[in-house]
C-alpha atoms as a PDB file:
ATOM      1  CA  MET A   1      -7.412  -3.317   4.736  1.00  0.00           C
ATOM      2  CA  LYS A   2      -6.947  -0.033   2.862  1.00  0.00           C
ATOM      3  CA  LYS A   3      -8.661  -1.492  -0.198  1.00  0.00           C
ATOM      4  CA  ILE A   4     -11.663  -2.533   1.897  1.00  0.00           C
ATOM      5  CA  SER A   5     -11.990   0.916   3.464  1.00  0.00           C
ATOM      6  CA  THR A   6     -11.704   2.525   0.020  1.00  0.00           C
ATOM      7  CA  ILE A   7     -14.495   0.290  -1.250  1.00  0.00           C
ATOM      8  CA  ILE A   8     -16.649   1.151   1.763  1.00  0.00           C
ATOM      9  CA  ILE A   9     -16.018   4.882   1.257  1.00  0.00           C
ATOM     10  CA  TYR A  10     -16.852   4.520  -2.433  1.00  0.00           C
ATOM     11  CA  PHE A  11     -20.098   2.730  -1.601  1.00  0.00           C
ATOM     12  CA  LEU A  12     -21.091   5.334   0.968  1.00  0.00           C
ATOM     13  CA  CYS A  13     -20.221   8.248  -1.285  1.00  0.00           C
ATOM     14  CA  SER A  14     -22.045   6.828  -4.269  1.00  0.00           C
ATOM     15  CA  SER A  15     -25.217   6.136  -2.331  1.00  0.00           C
ATOM     16  CA  SER A  16     -28.150   8.509  -2.503  1.00  0.00           C
ATOM     17  CA  LEU A  17     -27.572   9.417   1.155  1.00  0.00           C
ATOM     18  CA  PHE A  18     -24.752  11.758   0.166  1.00  0.00           C
ATOM     19  CA  SER A  19     -26.257  13.152  -3.008  1.00  0.00           C
ATOM     20  CA  SER A  20     -28.900  15.152  -1.178  1.00  0.00           C
ATOM     21  CA  SER A  21     -28.395  18.810  -0.373  1.00  0.00           C
ATOM     22  CA  ASN A  22     -28.844  18.175   3.354  1.00  0.00           C
ATOM     23  CA  TYR A  23     -26.172  20.216   5.167  1.00  0.00           C
ATOM     24  CA  GLN A  24     -25.991  17.720   8.059  1.00  0.00           C
ATOM     25  CA  THR A  25     -25.250  14.944   5.547  1.00  0.00           C
ATOM     26  CA  ILE A  26     -22.287  16.848   4.108  1.00  0.00           C
ATOM     27  CA  GLU A  27     -20.953  17.356   7.632  1.00  0.00           C
ATOM     28  CA  GLN A  28     -21.237  13.615   8.256  1.00  0.00           C
ATOM     29  CA  LEU A  29     -19.523  12.879   4.943  1.00  0.00           C
ATOM     30  CA  ALA A  30     -16.628  15.190   5.829  1.00  0.00           C
ATOM     31  CA  LYS A  31     -16.229  13.486   9.215  1.00  0.00           C
ATOM     32  CA  SER A  32     -16.352  10.007   7.681  1.00  0.00           C
ATOM     33  CA  LEU A  33     -13.594  11.014   5.250  1.00  0.00           C
ATOM     34  CA  LYS A  34     -11.654  12.563   8.149  1.00  0.00           C
ATOM     35  CA  LEU A  35     -11.744  16.011   6.520  1.00  0.00           C
ATOM     36  CA  PHE A  36     -11.957  18.958   8.884  1.00  0.00           C
ATOM     37  CA  GLY A  37     -12.234  22.491   7.507  1.00  0.00           C
ATOM     38  CA  GLY A  38      -9.977  24.039  10.138  1.00  0.00           C
ATOM     39  CA  THR A  39      -6.992  21.902   9.181  1.00  0.00           C
ATOM     40  CA  LYS A  40      -6.381  23.917   5.990  1.00  0.00           C
ATOM     41  CA  ALA A  41      -6.848  27.449   4.696  1.00  0.00           C
ATOM     42  CA  SER A  42      -9.477  28.264   2.049  1.00  0.00           C
ATOM     43  CA  VAL A  43      -6.895  28.384  -0.737  1.00  0.00           C
ATOM     44  CA  GLN A  44      -5.630  24.931   0.197  1.00  0.00           C
ATOM     45  CA  TRP A  45      -9.142  23.450   0.025  1.00  0.00           C
ATOM     46  CA  GLU A  46      -9.649  25.066  -3.398  1.00  0.00           C
ATOM     47  CA  LYS A  47      -6.388  23.528  -4.599  1.00  0.00           C
ATOM     48  CA  ILE A  48      -7.420  20.072  -3.356  1.00  0.00           C
ATOM     49  CA  PHE A  49     -10.734  20.190  -5.191  1.00  0.00           C
ATOM     50  CA  SER A  50      -9.170  21.480  -8.411  1.00  0.00           C
ATOM     51  CA  SER A  51      -6.535  18.747  -8.691  1.00  0.00           C
ATOM     52  CA  GLN A  52      -7.347  15.194  -9.763  1.00  0.00           C
ATOM     53  CA  ARG A  53      -4.236  13.975  -7.912  1.00  0.00           C
ATOM     54  CA  HIS A  54      -5.397  15.561  -4.650  1.00  0.00           C
ATOM     55  CA  LEU A  55      -8.934  14.250  -5.123  1.00  0.00           C
ATOM     56  CA  LYS A  56      -7.521  10.728  -5.356  1.00  0.00           C
ATOM     57  CA  ARG A  57      -5.303  11.278  -2.320  1.00  0.00           C
ATOM     58  CA  TYR A  58      -8.309  12.206  -0.180  1.00  0.00           C
ATOM     59  CA  HIS A  59     -10.581   9.559  -1.806  1.00  0.00           C
ATOM     60  CA  LEU A  60     -12.906  12.175  -3.288  1.00  0.00           C
ATOM     61  CA  GLU A  61     -12.678  11.211  -6.963  1.00  0.00           C
ATOM     62  CA  HIS A  62     -15.782   8.982  -6.813  1.00  0.00           C
ATOM     63  CA  LEU A  63     -18.116  11.640  -5.434  1.00  0.00           C
ATOM     64  CA  ASP A  64     -20.620  13.101  -7.838  1.00  0.00           C
ATOM     65  CA  HIS A  65     -20.126  16.700  -8.942  1.00  0.00           C
ATOM     66  CA  ASN A  66     -22.888  18.133  -6.750  1.00  0.00           C
ATOM     67  CA  THR A  67     -21.589  16.397  -3.613  1.00  0.00           C
ATOM     68  CA  LYS A  68     -18.022  17.591  -4.309  1.00  0.00           C
ATOM     69  CA  GLU A  69     -19.253  21.162  -4.633  1.00  0.00           C
ATOM     70  CA  GLN A  70     -21.212  20.944  -1.374  1.00  0.00           C
ATOM     71  CA  LEU A  71     -18.293  19.356   0.452  1.00  0.00           C
ATOM     72  CA  GLN A  72     -15.876  21.981  -0.891  1.00  0.00           C
ATOM     73  CA  HIS A  73     -18.237  24.769   0.170  1.00  0.00           C
ATOM     74  CA  TYR A  74     -18.595  23.248   3.655  1.00  0.00           C
ATOM     75  CA  LEU A  75     -14.824  22.840   4.125  1.00  0.00           C
ATOM     76  CA  ILE A  76     -14.038  26.353   2.863  1.00  0.00           C
ATOM     77  CA  GLN A  77     -16.774  27.837   5.039  1.00  0.00           C
ATOM     78  CA  HIS A  78     -15.088  26.220   8.067  1.00  0.00           C
ATOM     79  CA  ALA A  79     -11.464  26.622   6.914  1.00  0.00           C
ATOM     80  CA  ALA A  80      -8.731  27.762   9.287  1.00  0.00           C
ATOM     81  CA  ASP A  81      -8.834  31.299   7.883  1.00  0.00           C
ATOM     82  CA  SER A  82     -12.647  31.585   8.037  1.00  0.00           C
ATOM     83  CA  LYS A  83     -14.797  33.290  10.664  1.00  0.00           C
ATOM     84  CA  GLN A  84     -16.052  29.933  11.952  1.00  0.00           C
ATOM     85  CA  PRO A  85     -13.276  27.314  11.695  1.00  0.00           C
ATOM     86  CA  ILE A  86     -13.999  23.746  12.723  1.00  0.00           C
ATOM     87  CA  VAL A  87     -11.103  21.643  13.940  1.00  0.00           C
ATOM     88  CA  PRO A  88     -11.119  18.035  15.161  1.00  0.00           C
ATOM     89  CA  GLY A  89     -11.698  17.559  18.859  1.00  0.00           C
ATOM     90  CA  VAL A  90     -13.216  20.995  19.432  1.00  0.00           C
END
């Protein structure tokens, strides 16, 4: 089952839907990957996006460079230590 969901995530992330600079699309991508900015501090998000091991852990290694940058920016902007944190269920 995990392999199927990884394939689905890969397909979704590699599609042109997530390569646009649409801010709403990045928010949807973060939700689909179950990534919420408020669950980590800014420094933690930076560490995740700078480590190949962490990228694999969160299934982000297949995203194109532009999408990774947008997703990182979105998550840091809404990190737990930011002025506008976003946490699941809120």
